[in-house]
């Protein structure tokens, strides 16, 4: 299958309002009997949704490259791995007021540009700082940083990660 034309991707993306660090957990449209399709990026997901009349928006998981088309998006939850997009003719959904939780993912490192860098004693200290910050949605704790080096990296978005035995990552999320 040939790569999509960049102008076609831009045209499809222009039809949506996009919110980073959000996910929509319900109202999935099945494709060949399955929930979600593999897509290389947000633009390809927008093109897929734009071609399907029942699709009112989508959620795209950047970490696994999966597009979840939706027939309705009523509520958004915090999830730094994902972005949601809603057709511009529709209202952007409210954000859940459910409490945040932090999931620790061992031996992974967020590779986006950190918004804040700090020197902390341990993973739990890094987690506590991120938890208290409204702008921090993910963090990476570097387990073997040099003495005095900043070992707590905090992020406003988390679109990429890599395996790294010298790092542990935490992401804020909401279940509902």
Protein backbone atom coordinates (compact mmCIF):
# COMPACT_ATOMS: atom_id res chain seq x y z
CA UNK A 1 0.00 0.00 0.00
CA UNK A 2 1.55 3.36 -1.00
CA UNK A 3 2.18 6.02 1.64
CA UNK A 4 -0.61 8.61 1.90
CA UNK A 5 -0.09 11.96 0.23
CA UNK A 6 1.05 14.56 2.85
CA UNK A 7 -1.58 17.05 1.66
CA UNK A 8 -4.30 14.40 2.04
CA UNK A 9 -3.14 13.81 5.63
CA UNK A 10 -3.17 17.55 6.38
CA UNK A 11 -6.62 17.86 4.82
CA UNK A 12 -7.96 14.98 6.95
CA UNK A 13 -6.36 16.38 10.15
CA UNK A 14 -7.87 19.82 9.46
CA UNK A 15 -11.35 18.32 9.89
CA UNK A 16 -10.71 17.42 13.55
CA UNK A 17 -10.16 19.15 16.88
CA UNK A 18 -7.29 17.32 18.58
CA UNK A 19 -6.52 17.03 22.30
CA UNK A 20 -3.26 15.47 23.48
CA UNK A 21 -2.95 13.33 26.62
CA UNK A 22 -6.54 12.15 26.31
CA UNK A 23 -8.34 8.92 25.57
CA UNK A 24 -11.97 7.92 25.02
CA UNK A 25 -12.79 4.50 26.40
CA UNK A 26 -16.15 3.62 24.83
CA UNK A 27 -18.17 3.74 21.60
CA UNK A 28 -15.61 1.94 19.42
CA UNK A 29 -16.43 1.17 15.80
CA UNK A 30 -15.47 -2.40 14.89
CA UNK A 31 -13.27 -2.89 11.83
CA UNK A 32 -13.35 -6.44 10.49
CA UNK A 33 -14.84 -7.52 13.83
CA UNK A 34 -11.99 -6.01 15.87
CA UNK A 35 -11.54 -2.94 18.04
CA UNK A 36 -8.75 -0.70 16.75
CA UNK A 37 -6.48 -0.81 13.72
CA UNK A 38 -2.73 -0.39 13.44
CA UNK A 39 -1.84 2.99 11.92
CA UNK A 40 1.56 4.67 11.56
CA UNK A 41 0.48 8.02 13.00
CA UNK A 42 -2.32 10.41 13.95
CA UNK A 43 -2.71 11.57 10.33
CA UNK A 44 -3.37 8.06 9.01
CA UNK A 45 -5.93 7.58 11.78
CA UNK A 46 -7.64 10.85 10.78
CA UNK A 47 -7.79 9.67 7.16
CA UNK A 48 -9.33 6.34 8.21
CA UNK A 49 -11.99 8.06 10.34
CA UNK A 50 -12.72 10.70 7.69
CA UNK A 51 -13.51 7.95 5.15
CA UNK A 52 -16.08 6.30 7.44
CA UNK A 53 -19.36 8.27 7.78
CA UNK A 54 -20.21 6.69 11.16
CA UNK A 55 -16.90 7.88 12.64
CA UNK A 56 -17.33 11.03 14.72
CA UNK A 57 -13.83 10.96 16.18
CA UNK A 58 -11.04 8.70 17.28
CA UNK A 59 -8.48 7.91 19.92
CA UNK A 60 -4.90 7.24 18.82
CA UNK A 61 -2.44 5.37 21.05
CA UNK A 62 0.98 6.76 20.10
CA UNK A 63 2.90 4.06 21.98
CA UNK A 64 1.45 1.12 20.05
CA UNK A 65 0.31 2.91 16.88
CA UNK A 66 -3.32 1.95 17.21
CA UNK A 67 -6.36 3.89 15.99
CA UNK A 68 -9.71 3.49 17.73
CA UNK A 69 -12.53 4.99 15.67
CA UNK A 70 -15.56 6.15 17.67
CA UNK A 71 -19.21 6.63 16.74
CA UNK A 72 -19.44 9.13 19.64
CA UNK A 73 -17.06 10.63 22.18
CA UNK A 74 -18.84 11.77 25.32
CA UNK A 75 -16.08 11.79 27.93
CA UNK A 76 -12.30 12.04 27.76
CA UNK A 77 -9.88 10.63 30.32
CA UNK A 78 -6.26 11.51 31.02
CA UNK A 79 -3.83 9.20 29.21
CA UNK A 80 -0.45 10.57 28.11
CA UNK A 81 0.00 7.79 25.54
CA UNK A 82 -3.01 8.92 23.53
CA UNK A 83 -4.62 11.78 21.67
CA UNK A 84 -8.29 12.13 20.82
CA UNK A 85 -9.71 13.86 17.77
CA UNK A 86 -13.31 14.94 17.28
CA UNK A 87 -14.84 16.12 14.00
CA UNK A 88 -15.04 19.90 14.12
CA UNK A 89 -18.83 19.78 13.74
CA UNK A 90 -19.01 18.09 17.16
CA UNK A 91 -18.32 19.39 20.64
CA UNK A 92 -15.04 18.39 22.29
CA UNK A 93 -15.93 16.09 25.20
CA UNK A 94 -15.62 17.04 28.83
CA UNK A 95 -12.67 15.69 30.76
CA UNK A 96 -13.44 13.15 33.46
CA UNK A 97 -13.21 14.34 37.05
CA UNK A 98 -12.14 10.86 38.19
CA UNK A 99 -8.99 10.83 40.32
CA UNK A 100 -5.63 10.36 38.62
CA UNK A 101 -3.50 7.32 39.23
CA UNK A 102 0.11 6.68 38.22
CA UNK A 103 1.16 3.47 36.52
CA UNK A 104 4.84 2.54 36.85
CA UNK A 105 6.34 0.93 33.75
CA UNK A 106 9.69 -0.71 34.47
CA UNK A 107 12.64 -0.52 32.09
CA UNK A 108 11.03 2.06 29.80
CA UNK A 109 12.04 5.63 29.06
CA UNK A 110 9.91 8.42 27.60
CA UNK A 111 11.89 9.88 24.70
CA UNK A 112 9.98 13.14 24.24
CA UNK A 113 11.63 16.39 25.36
CA UNK A 114 11.28 16.79 29.16
CA UNK A 115 9.53 19.93 30.42
CA UNK A 116 11.29 19.77 33.80
CA UNK A 117 14.43 18.03 35.09
CA UNK A 118 15.14 17.48 38.78
CA UNK A 119 17.61 15.65 40.99
CA UNK A 120 15.75 13.32 43.37
CA UNK A 121 16.63 10.51 45.73
CA UNK A 122 14.50 7.71 44.25
CA UNK A 123 11.59 6.69 41.99
CA UNK A 124 9.00 7.45 44.67
CA UNK A 125 10.30 11.02 45.02
CA UNK A 126 10.06 11.54 41.27
CA UNK A 127 6.54 10.08 41.28
CA UNK A 128 5.46 12.41 44.11
CA UNK A 129 6.73 15.52 42.30
CA UNK A 130 4.93 14.55 39.09
CA UNK A 131 1.76 13.69 41.00
CA UNK A 132 1.68 17.19 42.53
CA UNK A 133 2.21 18.97 39.22
CA UNK A 134 -0.81 19.65 37.02
CA UNK A 135 1.40 19.92 33.92
CA UNK A 136 3.26 16.63 34.47
CA UNK A 137 1.54 13.70 32.76
CA UNK A 138 4.53 11.34 32.71
CA UNK A 139 7.99 11.02 34.18
CA UNK A 140 11.12 8.97 33.70
CA UNK A 141 13.42 8.16 36.61
CA UNK A 142 17.00 7.44 35.57
CA UNK A 143 18.18 4.69 37.93
CA UNK A 144 21.90 5.13 37.36
CA UNK A 145 22.39 8.86 36.81
CA UNK A 146 25.82 10.26 37.62
CA UNK A 147 26.24 11.83 41.04
CA UNK A 148 24.48 15.19 41.11
CA UNK A 149 22.88 14.70 37.68
CA UNK A 150 19.18 15.36 37.12
CA UNK A 151 17.54 11.95 37.24
CA UNK A 152 13.82 12.81 37.27
CA UNK A 153 12.54 13.89 33.87
CA UNK A 154 8.97 15.20 33.74
CA UNK A 155 6.87 15.49 30.58
CA UNK A 156 3.82 17.44 29.40
CA UNK A 157 3.16 14.79 26.76
CA UNK A 158 4.36 11.25 26.15
CA UNK A 159 4.17 10.18 22.53
CA UNK A 160 7.30 8.04 22.38
CA UNK A 161 9.12 5.59 24.60
CA UNK A 162 11.93 3.10 24.32
CA UNK A 163 13.20 0.11 26.26
CA UNK A 164 15.90 1.14 28.75
CA UNK A 165 17.00 -1.04 31.66
CA UNK A 166 18.44 2.07 33.34
CA UNK A 167 15.09 3.85 33.56
CA UNK A 168 11.58 3.44 34.95
CA UNK A 169 8.63 5.50 33.76
CA UNK A 170 5.39 6.57 35.36
CA UNK A 171 2.30 7.83 33.54
CA UNK A 172 -0.78 9.54 34.97
CA UNK A 173 -4.09 8.15 33.83
CA UNK A 174 -7.77 7.94 34.67
CA UNK A 175 -9.78 4.74 34.48
CA UNK A 176 -13.08 6.41 33.70
